[in-house]
Amino acid sequence: MPVYEYECQACGHGFEASQRITEPKLTDCPACHQPKLERLIRQVSFQLKGGGWYRDGYGTQRKKRTDNDRIDRLTKALDEDKKKSAAESTSSSGSDTSVSEKSKAA
């Protein structure tokens, strides 16, 4: 749940409130009870903890793909798919012939 900062424009009282994004903004100040609260927009700093984040190399910059790189990758994937389908069709047709030969012998 996001934490929002509020400040009263009447008395200067500031505080943080944990609210859902869908909840309406607070309007009444808890200190002076006047409807002069403003939600503040502040720069927030935070640290991602645990493995796999930027410090561990997750965010290392990679070279940008060019159109030629994309075309090469797609061509390679299509070639591999063709090889797989050809291998599957030869293995399935080979097993069909052996079944038909067995039925003729019986």
PDB file of N, CA and C in Angstrom:
ATOM      1  N   MET A   1       0.841  -1.161   0.000  1.00  0.00           N
ATOM      2  CA  MET A   1       0.000   0.000   0.000  1.00  0.00           C
ATOM      3  C   MET A   1       0.900   1.244   0.000  1.00  0.00           C
ATOM      4  N   PRO A   2       0.597   2.225  -0.826  1.00  0.00           N
ATOM      5  CA  PRO A   2       1.424   3.427  -0.880  1.00  0.00           C
ATOM      6  C   PRO A   2       1.310   4.269   0.389  1.00  0.00           C
ATOM      7  N   VAL A   3       2.390   4.968   0.686  1.00  0.00           N
ATOM      8  CA  VAL A   3       2.413   5.896   1.806  1.00  0.00           C
ATOM      9  C   VAL A   3       2.455   7.305   1.221  1.00  0.00           C
ATOM     10  N   TYR A   4       1.477   8.128   1.594  1.00  0.00           N
ATOM     11  CA  TYR A   4       1.381   9.492   1.099  1.00  0.00           C
ATOM     12  C   TYR A   4       1.737  10.471   2.207  1.00  0.00           C
ATOM     13  N   GLU A   5       2.348  11.572   1.820  1.00  0.00           N
ATOM     14  CA  GLU A   5       2.648  12.645   2.768  1.00  0.00           C
ATOM     15  C   GLU A   5       1.608  13.733   2.615  1.00  0.00           C
ATOM     16  N   TYR A   6       1.142  14.234   3.745  1.00  0.00           N
ATOM     17  CA  TYR A   6       0.173  15.321   3.770  1.00  0.00           C
ATOM     18  C   TYR A   6       0.730  16.468   4.594  1.00  0.00           C
ATOM     19  N   GLU A   7       0.281  17.671   4.258  1.00  0.00           N
ATOM     20  CA  GLU A   7       0.649  18.845   5.046  1.00  0.00           C
ATOM     21  C   GLU A   7      -0.555  19.775   5.086  1.00  0.00           C
ATOM     22  N   CYS A   8      -0.852  20.269   6.280  1.00  0.00           N
ATOM     23  CA  CYS A   8      -1.966  21.183   6.455  1.00  0.00           C
ATOM     24  C   CYS A   8      -1.529  22.587   6.046  1.00  0.00           C
ATOM     25  N   GLN A   9      -2.314  23.241   5.212  1.00  0.00           N
ATOM     26  CA  GLN A   9      -1.993  24.586   4.754  1.00  0.00           C
ATOM     27  C   GLN A   9      -2.351  25.638   5.810  1.00  0.00           C
ATOM     28  N   ALA A  10      -3.174  25.244   6.789  1.00  0.00           N
ATOM     29  CA  ALA A  10      -3.575  26.183   7.834  1.00  0.00           C
ATOM     30  C   ALA A  10      -2.561  26.224   8.981  1.00  0.00           C
ATOM     31  N   CYS A  11      -2.182  25.035   9.506  1.00  0.00           N
ATOM     32  CA  CYS A  11      -1.312  25.009  10.684  1.00  0.00           C
ATOM     33  C   CYS A  11       0.096  24.487  10.404  1.00  0.00           C
ATOM     34  N   GLY A  12       0.324  23.916   9.228  1.00  0.00           N
ATOM     35  CA  GLY A  12       1.656  23.425   8.874  1.00  0.00           C
ATOM     36  C   GLY A  12       1.955  22.012   9.370  1.00  0.00           C
ATOM     37  N   HIS A  13       0.975  21.367   9.979  1.00  0.00           N
ATOM     38  CA  HIS A  13       1.165  19.997  10.480  1.00  0.00           C
ATOM     39  C   HIS A  13       1.384  19.047   9.301  1.00  0.00           C
ATOM     40  N   GLY A  14       2.434  18.231   9.384  1.00  0.00           N
ATOM     41  CA  GLY A  14       2.729  17.256   8.346  1.00  0.00           C
ATOM     42  C   GLY A  14       2.719  15.853   8.903  1.00  0.00           C
ATOM     43  N   PHE A  15       2.282  14.916   8.086  1.00  0.00           N
ATOM     44  CA  PHE A  15       2.251  13.517   8.512  1.00  0.00           C
ATOM     45  C   PHE A  15       2.179  12.620   7.286  1.00  0.00           C
ATOM     46  N   GLU A  16       2.365  11.330   7.517  1.00  0.00           N
ATOM     47  CA  GLU A  16       2.267  10.327   6.464  1.00  0.00           C
ATOM     48  C   GLU A  16       1.043   9.463   6.721  1.00  0.00           C
ATOM     49  N   ALA A  17       0.403   9.041   5.637  1.00  0.00           N
ATOM     50  CA  ALA A  17      -0.764   8.171   5.757  1.00  0.00           C
ATOM     51  C   ALA A  17      -0.636   7.044   4.740  1.00  0.00           C
ATOM     52  N   SER A  18      -0.892   5.829   5.199  1.00  0.00           N
ATOM     53  CA  SER A  18      -0.872   4.665   4.327  1.00  0.00           C
ATOM     54  C   SER A  18      -2.278   4.467   3.786  1.00  0.00           C
ATOM     55  N   GLN A  19      -2.426   4.611   2.456  1.00  0.00           N
ATOM     56  CA  GLN A  19      -3.745   4.519   1.840  1.00  0.00           C
ATOM     57  C   GLN A  19      -3.673   3.713   0.562  1.00  0.00           C
ATOM     58  N   ARG A  20      -4.786   3.141   0.184  1.00  0.00           N
ATOM     59  CA  ARG A  20      -4.889   2.503  -1.120  1.00  0.00           C
ATOM     60  C   ARG A  20      -4.960   3.590  -2.181  1.00  0.00           C
ATOM     61  N   ILE A  21      -4.582   3.226  -3.381  1.00  0.00           N
ATOM     62  CA  ILE A  21      -4.608   4.182  -4.480  1.00  0.00           C
ATOM     63  C   ILE A  21      -6.034   4.632  -4.776  1.00  0.00           C
ATOM     64  N   THR A  22      -6.988   3.741  -4.592  1.00  0.00           N
ATOM     65  CA  THR A  22      -8.377   4.045  -4.916  1.00  0.00           C
ATOM     66  C   THR A  22      -9.078   4.875  -3.850  1.00  0.00           C
ATOM     67  N   GLU A  23      -8.481   5.014  -2.672  1.00  0.00           N
ATOM     68  CA  GLU A  23      -9.102   5.809  -1.607  1.00  0.00           C
ATOM     69  C   GLU A  23      -9.003   7.295  -1.935  1.00  0.00           C
ATOM     70  N   PRO A  24     -10.008   8.067  -1.530  1.00  0.00           N
ATOM     71  CA  PRO A  24      -9.941   9.510  -1.775  1.00  0.00           C
ATOM     72  C   PRO A  24      -8.883  10.171  -0.891  1.00  0.00           C
ATOM     73  N   LYS A  25      -8.419  11.340  -1.328  1.00  0.00           N
ATOM     74  CA  LYS A  25      -7.425  12.087  -0.546  1.00  0.00           C
ATOM     75  C   LYS A  25      -8.036  12.516   0.785  1.00  0.00           C
ATOM     76  N   LEU A  26      -7.183  12.600   1.802  1.00  0.00           N
ATOM     77  CA  LEU A  26      -7.637  13.111   3.091  1.00  0.00           C
ATOM     78  C   LEU A  26      -7.827  14.615   2.961  1.00  0.00           C
ATOM     79  N   THR A  27      -8.804  15.150   3.687  1.00  0.00           N
ATOM     80  CA  THR A  27      -9.065  16.588   3.588  1.00  0.00           C
ATOM     81  C   THR A  27      -8.950  17.302   4.925  1.00  0.00           C
ATOM     82  N   ASP A  28      -9.303  16.638   6.014  1.00  0.00           N
ATOM     83  CA  ASP A  28      -9.300  17.291   7.326  1.00  0.00           C
ATOM     84  C   ASP A  28      -8.008  17.026   8.076  1.00  0.00           C
ATOM     85  N   CYS A  29      -7.423  18.076   8.610  1.00  0.00           N
ATOM     86  CA  CYS A  29      -6.181  17.980   9.378  1.00  0.00           C
ATOM     87  C   CYS A  29      -6.471  17.356  10.739  1.00  0.00           C
ATOM     88  N   PRO A  30      -5.681  16.352  11.166  1.00  0.00           N
ATOM     89  CA  PRO A  30      -5.920  15.753  12.481  1.00  0.00           C
ATOM     90  C   PRO A  30      -5.517  16.682  13.634  1.00  0.00           C
ATOM     91  N   ALA A  31      -4.683  17.692  13.378  1.00  0.00           N
ATOM     92  CA  ALA A  31      -4.239  18.598  14.441  1.00  0.00           C
ATOM     93  C   ALA A  31      -5.228  19.748  14.658  1.00  0.00           C
ATOM     94  N   CYS A  32      -5.593  20.462  13.577  1.00  0.00           N
ATOM     95  CA  CYS A  32      -6.470  21.640  13.727  1.00  0.00           C
ATOM     96  C   CYS A  32      -7.894  21.398  13.227  1.00  0.00           C
ATOM     97  N   HIS A  33      -8.141  20.245  12.617  1.00  0.00           N
ATOM     98  CA  HIS A  33      -9.464  19.817  12.136  1.00  0.00           C
ATOM     99  C   HIS A  33     -10.045  20.725  11.052  1.00  0.00           C
ATOM    100  N   GLN A  34      -9.206  21.423  10.323  1.00  0.00           N
ATOM    101  CA  GLN A  34      -9.674  22.240   9.208  1.00  0.00           C
ATOM    102  C   GLN A  34      -9.466  21.487   7.893  1.00  0.00           C
ATOM    103  N   PRO A  35     -10.326  21.711   6.912  1.00  0.00           N
ATOM    104  CA  PRO A  35     -10.200  20.994   5.628  1.00  0.00           C
ATOM    105  C   PRO A  35      -9.165  21.638   4.702  1.00  0.00           C
ATOM    106  N   LYS A  36      -7.924  21.701   5.164  1.00  0.00           N
ATOM    107  CA  LYS A  36      -6.872  22.374   4.397  1.00  0.00           C
ATOM    108  C   LYS A  36      -5.688  21.456   4.095  1.00  0.00           C
ATOM    109  N   LEU A  37      -5.912  20.140   4.072  1.00  0.00           N
ATOM    110  CA  LEU A  37      -4.813  19.207   3.813  1.00  0.00           C
ATOM    111  C   LEU A  37      -4.470  19.169   2.334  1.00  0.00           C
ATOM    112  N   GLU A  38      -3.207  19.094   2.049  1.00  0.00           N
ATOM    113  CA  GLU A  38      -2.714  18.932   0.680  1.00  0.00           C
ATOM    114  C   GLU A  38      -1.813  17.711   0.640  1.00  0.00           C
ATOM    115  N   ARG A  39      -2.000  16.890  -0.374  1.00  0.00           N
ATOM    116  CA  ARG A  39      -1.113  15.736  -0.567  1.00  0.00           C
ATOM    117  C   ARG A  39       0.160  16.240  -1.217  1.00  0.00           C
ATOM    118  N   LEU A  40       1.296  15.893  -0.644  1.00  0.00           N
ATOM    119  CA  LEU A  40       2.581  16.350  -1.151  1.00  0.00           C
ATOM    120  C   LEU A  40       3.156  15.349  -2.138  1.00  0.00           C
ATOM    121  N   ILE A  41       3.864  15.870  -3.090  1.00  0.00           N
ATOM    122  CA  ILE A  41       4.586  15.025  -4.032  1.00  0.00           C
ATOM    123  C   ILE A  41       6.063  15.224  -3.742  1.00  0.00           C
ATOM    124  N   ARG A  42       6.703  14.183  -3.317  1.00  0.00           N
ATOM    125  CA  ARG A  42       8.111  14.253  -2.941  1.00  0.00           C
ATOM    126  C   ARG A  42       8.903  13.214  -3.720  1.00  0.00           C
ATOM    127  N   GLN A  43      10.189  13.496  -3.851  1.00  0.00           N
ATOM    128  CA  GLN A  43      11.083  12.510  -4.436  1.00  0.00           C
ATOM    129  C   GLN A  43      11.328  11.435  -3.386  1.00  0.00           C
ATOM    130  N   VAL A  44      11.139  10.212  -3.779  1.00  0.00           N
ATOM    131  CA  VAL A  44      11.263   9.103  -2.848  1.00  0.00           C
ATOM    132  C   VAL A  44      12.509   8.313  -3.189  1.00  0.00           C
ATOM    133  N   SER A  45      13.260   7.953  -2.169  1.00  0.00           N
ATOM    134  CA  SER A  45      14.394   7.068  -2.400  1.00  0.00           C
ATOM    135  C   SER A  45      14.092   5.738  -1.713  1.00  0.00           C
ATOM    136  N   PHE A  46      14.492   4.674  -2.353  1.00  0.00           N
ATOM    137  CA  PHE A  46      14.279   3.361  -1.770  1.00  0.00           C
ATOM    138  C   PHE A  46      15.401   2.455  -2.235  1.00  0.00           C
ATOM    139  N   GLN A  47      15.554   1.364  -1.538  1.00  0.00           N
ATOM    140  CA  GLN A  47      16.611   0.423  -1.862  1.00  0.00           C
ATOM    141  C   GLN A  47      16.002  -0.950  -2.054  1.00  0.00           C
ATOM    142  N   LEU A  48      16.345  -1.582  -3.154  1.00  0.00           N
ATOM    143  CA  LEU A  48      15.877  -2.931  -3.414  1.00  0.00           C
ATOM    144  C   LEU A  48      16.828  -3.905  -2.730  1.00  0.00           C
ATOM    145  N   LYS A  49      16.284  -4.754  -1.903  1.00  0.00           N
ATOM    146  CA  LYS A  49      17.124  -5.681  -1.157  1.00  0.00           C
ATOM    147  C   LYS A  49      16.956  -7.082  -1.707  1.00  0.00           C
ATOM    148  N   GLY A  50      17.994  -7.873  -1.568  1.00  0.00           N
ATOM    149  CA  GLY A  50      17.948  -9.238  -2.050  1.00  0.00           C
ATOM    150  C   GLY A  50      18.762  -9.388  -3.311  1.00  0.00           C
ATOM    151  N   GLY A  51      18.936 -10.608  -3.745  1.00  0.00           N
ATOM    152  CA  GLY A  51      19.731 -10.870  -4.933  1.00  0.00           C
ATOM    153  C   GLY A  51      18.976 -10.578  -6.210  1.00  0.00           C
ATOM    154  N   GLY A  52      19.725 -10.360  -7.269  1.00  0.00           N
ATOM    155  CA  GLY A  52      19.120 -10.201  -8.572  1.00  0.00           C
ATOM    156  C   GLY A  52      18.785  -8.788  -8.971  1.00  0.00           C
ATOM    157  N   TRP A  53      19.127  -7.797  -8.177  1.00  0.00           N
ATOM    158  CA  TRP A  53      18.819  -6.426  -8.540  1.00  0.00           C
ATOM    159  C   TRP A  53      20.033  -5.762  -9.159  1.00  0.00           C
ATOM    160  N   TYR A  54      19.933  -4.499  -9.401  1.00  0.00           N
ATOM    161  CA  TYR A  54      20.919  -3.754 -10.173  1.00  0.00           C
ATOM    162  C   TYR A  54      22.345  -3.924  -9.657  1.00  0.00           C
ATOM    163  N   ARG A  55      22.546  -3.847  -8.370  1.00  0.00           N
ATOM    164  CA  ARG A  55      23.900  -3.960  -7.817  1.00  0.00           C
ATOM    165  C   ARG A  55      24.524  -5.319  -8.103  1.00  0.00           C
ATOM    166  N   ASP A  56      23.679  -6.325  -8.259  1.00  0.00           N
ATOM    167  CA  ASP A  56      24.179  -7.672  -8.519  1.00  0.00           C
ATOM    168  C   ASP A  56      24.351  -7.961 -10.002  1.00  0.00           C
ATOM    169  N   GLY A  57      24.153  -6.964 -10.834  1.00  0.00           N
ATOM    170  CA  GLY A  57      24.347  -7.173 -12.257  1.00  0.00           C
ATOM    171  C   GLY A  57      23.067  -7.363 -13.035  1.00  0.00           C
ATOM    172  N   TYR A  58      21.919  -7.285 -12.351  1.00  0.00           N
ATOM    173  CA  TYR A  58      20.653  -7.485 -13.040  1.00  0.00           C
ATOM    174  C   TYR A  58      20.409  -6.377 -14.066  1.00  0.00           C
ATOM    175  N   GLY A  59      20.802  -5.172 -13.715  1.00  0.00           N
ATOM    176  CA  GLY A  59      20.517  -4.048 -14.585  1.00  0.00           C
ATOM    177  C   GLY A  59      21.658  -3.671 -15.501  1.00  0.00           C
ATOM    178  N   THR A  60      22.582  -4.590 -15.754  1.00  0.00           N
ATOM    179  CA  THR A  60      23.686  -4.242 -16.634  1.00  0.00           C
ATOM    180  C   THR A  60      23.150  -3.923 -18.016  1.00  0.00           C
ATOM    181  N   GLN A  61      23.780  -2.990 -18.640  1.00  0.00           N
ATOM    182  CA  GLN A  61      23.302  -2.579 -19.951  1.00  0.00           C
ATOM    183  C   GLN A  61      23.695  -3.601 -20.994  1.00  0.00           C
ATOM    184  N   ARG A  62      22.750  -3.934 -21.810  1.00  0.00           N
ATOM    185  CA  ARG A  62      22.985  -4.850 -22.910  1.00  0.00           C
ATOM    186  C   ARG A  62      22.989  -4.035 -24.183  1.00  0.00           C
ATOM    187  N   LYS A  63      23.626  -4.590 -25.202  1.00  0.00           N
ATOM    188  CA  LYS A  63      23.591  -3.858 -26.465  1.00  0.00           C
ATOM    189  C   LYS A  63      22.179  -3.908 -27.022  1.00  0.00           C
ATOM    190  N   LYS A  64      21.780  -2.827 -27.638  1.00  0.00           N
ATOM    191  CA  LYS A  64      20.439  -2.766 -28.198  1.00  0.00           C
ATOM    192  C   LYS A  64      20.376  -3.621 -29.449  1.00  0.00           C
ATOM    193  N   ARG A  65      19.268  -4.303 -29.605  1.00  0.00           N
ATOM    194  CA  ARG A  65      19.082  -5.160 -30.776  1.00  0.00           C
ATOM    195  C   ARG A  65      18.779  -4.307 -32.001  1.00  0.00           C
ATOM    196  N   THR A  66      19.420  -4.650 -33.066  1.00  0.00           N
ATOM    197  CA  THR A  66      19.126  -3.990 -34.325  1.00  0.00           C
ATOM    198  C   THR A  66      18.106  -4.830 -35.075  1.00  0.00           C
ATOM    199  N   ASP A  67      17.613  -4.315 -36.179  1.00  0.00           N
ATOM    200  CA  ASP A  67      16.668  -5.085 -36.989  1.00  0.00           C
ATOM    201  C   ASP A  67      17.324  -6.352 -37.522  1.00  0.00           C
ATOM    202  N   ASN A  68      18.604  -6.272 -37.886  1.00  0.00           N
ATOM    203  CA  ASN A  68      19.313  -7.460 -38.381  1.00  0.00           C
ATOM    204  C   ASN A  68      19.417  -8.530 -37.301  1.00  0.00           C
ATOM    205  N   ASP A  69      19.656  -8.120 -36.056  1.00  0.00           N
ATOM    206  CA  ASP A  69      19.710  -9.081 -34.956  1.00  0.00           C
ATOM    207  C   ASP A  69      18.366  -9.791 -34.792  1.00  0.00           C
ATOM    208  N   ARG A  70      17.296  -9.033 -34.883  1.00  0.00           N
ATOM    209  CA  ARG A  70      15.962  -9.624 -34.737  1.00  0.00           C
ATOM    210  C   ARG A  70      15.675 -10.601 -35.871  1.00  0.00           C
ATOM    211  N   ILE A  71      16.027 -10.203 -37.085  1.00  0.00           N
ATOM    212  CA  ILE A  71      15.793 -11.070 -38.238  1.00  0.00           C
ATOM    213  C   ILE A  71      16.604 -12.356 -38.114  1.00  0.00           C
ATOM    214  N   ASP A  72      17.870 -12.235 -37.698  1.00  0.00           N
ATOM    215  CA  ASP A  72      18.713 -13.421 -37.513  1.00  0.00           C
ATOM    216  C   ASP A  72      18.123 -14.353 -36.469  1.00  0.00           C
ATOM    217  N   ARG A  73      17.635 -13.786 -35.377  1.00  0.00           N
ATOM    218  CA  ARG A  73      17.070 -14.604 -34.307  1.00  0.00           C
ATOM    219  C   ARG A  73      15.805 -15.320 -34.786  1.00  0.00           C
ATOM    220  N   LEU A  74      14.948 -14.606 -35.504  1.00  0.00           N
ATOM    221  CA  LEU A  74      13.724 -15.227 -36.018  1.00  0.00           C
ATOM    222  C   LEU A  74      14.038 -16.310 -37.050  1.00  0.00           C
ATOM    223  N   THR A  75      15.018 -16.053 -37.913  1.00  0.00           N
ATOM    224  CA  THR A  75      15.400 -17.039 -38.921  1.00  0.00           C
ATOM    225  C   THR A  75      15.922 -18.309 -38.257  1.00  0.00           C
ATOM    226  N   LYS A  76      16.731 -18.120 -37.238  1.00  0.00           N
ATOM    227  CA  LYS A  76      17.276 -19.269 -36.518  1.00  0.00           C
ATOM    228  C   LYS A  76      16.150 -20.070 -35.855  1.00  0.00           C
ATOM    229  N   ALA A  77      15.187 -19.389 -35.253  1.00  0.00           N
ATOM    230  CA  ALA A  77      14.067 -20.074 -34.602  1.00  0.00           C
ATOM    231  C   ALA A  77      13.225 -20.832 -35.623  1.00  0.00           C
ATOM    232  N   LEU A  78      12.991 -20.222 -36.784  1.00  0.00           N
ATOM    233  CA  LEU A  78      12.220 -20.909 -37.826  1.00  0.00           C
ATOM    234  C   LEU A  78      12.948 -22.142 -38.342  1.00  0.00           C
ATOM    235  N   ASP A  79      14.266 -22.029 -38.536  1.00  0.00           N
ATOM    236  CA  ASP A  79      15.048 -23.178 -38.984  1.00  0.00           C
ATOM    237  C   ASP A  79      14.990 -24.321 -37.978  1.00  0.00           C
ATOM    238  N   GLU A  80      15.086 -23.979 -36.681  1.00  0.00           N
ATOM    239  CA  GLU A  80      15.019 -25.012 -35.651  1.00  0.00           C
ATOM    240  C   GLU A  80      13.646 -25.681 -35.637  1.00  0.00           C
ATOM    241  N   ASP A  81      12.591 -24.888 -35.820  1.00  0.00           N
ATOM    242  CA  ASP A  81      11.241 -25.457 -35.866  1.00  0.00           C
ATOM    243  C   ASP A  81      11.072 -26.394 -37.056  1.00  0.00           C
ATOM    244  N   LYS A  82      11.619 -26.006 -38.198  1.00  0.00           N
ATOM    245  CA  LYS A  82      11.533 -26.861 -39.382  1.00  0.00           C
ATOM    246  C   LYS A  82      12.260 -28.176 -39.163  1.00  0.00           C
ATOM    247  N   LYS A  83      13.445 -28.105 -38.526  1.00  0.00           N
ATOM    248  CA  LYS A  83      14.204 -29.324 -38.248  1.00  0.00           C
ATOM    249  C   LYS A  83      13.433 -30.238 -37.299  1.00  0.00           C
ATOM    250  N   LYS A  84      12.818 -29.646 -36.261  1.00  0.00           N
ATOM    251  CA  LYS A  84      12.051 -30.440 -35.305  1.00  0.00           C
ATOM    252  C   LYS A  84      10.857 -31.106 -35.972  1.00  0.00           C
ATOM    253  N   SER A  85      10.140 -30.330 -36.782  1.00  0.00           N
ATOM    254  CA  SER A  85       8.956 -30.907 -37.428  1.00  0.00           C
ATOM    255  C   SER A  85       9.348 -31.972 -38.451  1.00  0.00           C
ATOM    256  N   ALA A  86      10.484 -31.778 -39.137  1.00  0.00           N
ATOM    257  CA  ALA A  86      10.952 -32.786 -40.085  1.00  0.00           C
ATOM    258  C   ALA A  86      11.355 -34.061 -39.344  1.00  0.00           C
ATOM    259  N   ALA A  87      12.026 -33.907 -38.222  1.00  0.00           N
ATOM    260  CA  ALA A  87      12.445 -35.071 -37.437  1.00  0.00           C
ATOM    261  C   ALA A  87      11.229 -35.812 -36.884  1.00  0.00           C
ATOM    262  N   GLU A  88      10.218 -35.069 -36.448  1.00  0.00           N
ATOM    263  CA  GLU A  88       9.009 -35.702 -35.918  1.00  0.00           C
ATOM    264  C   GLU A  88       8.241 -36.427 -37.018  1.00  0.00           C
ATOM    265  N   SER A  89       8.184 -35.833 -38.198  1.00  0.00           N
ATOM    266  CA  SER A  89       7.430 -36.486 -39.279  1.00  0.00           C
ATOM    267  C   SER A  89       8.145 -37.744 -39.759  1.00  0.00           C
ATOM    268  N   THR A  90       9.481 -37.742 -39.796  1.00  0.00           N
ATOM    269  CA  THR A  90      10.195 -38.956 -40.212  1.00  0.00           C
ATOM    270  C   THR A  90      10.090 -40.038 -39.154  1.00  0.00           C
ATOM    271  N   SER A  91      10.122 -39.672 -37.885  1.00  0.00           N
ATOM    272  CA  SER A  91      10.014 -40.692 -36.841  1.00  0.00           C
ATOM    273  C   SER A  91       8.602 -41.248 -36.771  1.00  0.00           C
ATOM    274  N   SER A  92       7.598 -40.425 -36.981  1.00  0.00           N
ATOM    275  CA  SER A  92       6.224 -40.926 -36.940  1.00  0.00           C
ATOM    276  C   SER A  92       5.899 -41.743 -38.180  1.00  0.00           C
ATOM    277  N   SER A  93       6.434 -41.379 -39.342  1.00  0.00           N
ATOM    278  CA  SER A  93       6.162 -42.168 -40.549  1.00  0.00           C
ATOM    279  C   SER A  93       6.910 -43.498 -40.492  1.00  0.00           C
ATOM    280  N   GLY A  94       8.061 -43.532 -39.869  1.00  0.00           N
ATOM    281  CA  GLY A  94       8.808 -44.781 -39.711  1.00  0.00           C
ATOM    282  C   GLY A  94       8.083 -45.734 -38.803  1.00  0.00           C
ATOM    283  N   SER A  95       7.455 -45.240 -37.768  1.00  0.00           N
ATOM    284  CA  SER A  95       6.716 -46.119 -36.862  1.00  0.00           C
ATOM    285  C   SER A  95       5.430 -46.594 -37.520  1.00  0.00           C
ATOM    286  N   ASP A  96       4.821 -45.809 -38.410  1.00  0.00           N
ATOM    287  CA  ASP A  96       3.611 -46.226 -39.112  1.00  0.00           C
ATOM    288  C   ASP A  96       3.902 -47.386 -40.059  1.00  0.00           C
ATOM    289  N   THR A  97       5.062 -47.340 -40.744  1.00  0.00           N
ATOM    290  CA  THR A  97       5.389 -48.420 -41.662  1.00  0.00           C
ATOM    291  C   THR A  97       5.643 -49.704 -40.903  1.00  0.00           C
ATOM    292  N   SER A  98       6.285 -49.615 -39.761  1.00  0.00           N
ATOM    293  CA  SER A  98       6.565 -50.848 -39.028  1.00  0.00           C
ATOM    294  C   SER A  98       5.262 -51.451 -38.508  1.00  0.00           C
ATOM    295  N   VAL A  99       4.287 -50.636 -38.155  1.00  0.00           N
ATOM    296  CA  VAL A  99       3.000 -51.150 -37.694  1.00  0.00           C
ATOM    297  C   VAL A  99       2.279 -51.806 -38.856  1.00  0.00           C
ATOM    298  N   SER A 100       2.303 -51.180 -40.043  1.00  0.00           N
ATOM    299  CA  SER A 100       1.616 -51.771 -41.193  1.00  0.00           C
ATOM    300  C   SER A 100       2.275 -53.056 -41.636  1.00  0.00           C
ATOM    301  N   GLU A 101       3.598 -53.130 -41.538  1.00  0.00           N
ATOM    302  CA  GLU A 101       4.306 -54.370 -41.899  1.00  0.00           C
ATOM    303  C   GLU A 101       3.959 -55.497 -40.933  1.00  0.00           C
ATOM    304  N   LYS A 102       3.808 -55.149 -39.630  1.00  0.00           N
ATOM    305  CA  LYS A 102       3.465 -56.144 -38.642  1.00  0.00           C
ATOM    306  C   LYS A 102       2.049 -56.675 -38.886  1.00  0.00           C
ATOM    307  N   SER A 103       1.135 -55.778 -39.290  1.00  0.00           N
ATOM    308  CA  SER A 103      -0.242 -56.232 -39.540  1.00  0.00           C
ATOM    309  C   SER A 103      -0.317 -57.113 -40.775  1.00  0.00           C
ATOM    310  N   LYS A 104       0.544 -56.873 -41.788  1.00  0.00           N
ATOM    311  CA  LYS A 104       0.567 -57.724 -42.984  1.00  0.00           C
ATOM    312  C   LYS A 104       1.079 -59.114 -42.633  1.00  0.00           C
ATOM    313  N   ALA A 105       2.086 -59.180 -41.749  1.00  0.00           N
ATOM    314  CA  ALA A 105       2.665 -60.452 -41.382  1.00  0.00           C
ATOM    315  C   ALA A 105       1.687 -61.282 -40.565  1.00  0.00           C
ATOM    316  N   ALA A 106       0.830 -60.662 -39.822  1.00  0.00           N
ATOM    317  CA  ALA A 106      -0.133 -61.378 -38.972  1.00  0.00           C
ATOM    318  C   ALA A 106      -1.262 -61.862 -39.812  1.00  0.00           C
TER     319      ALA A 106
END
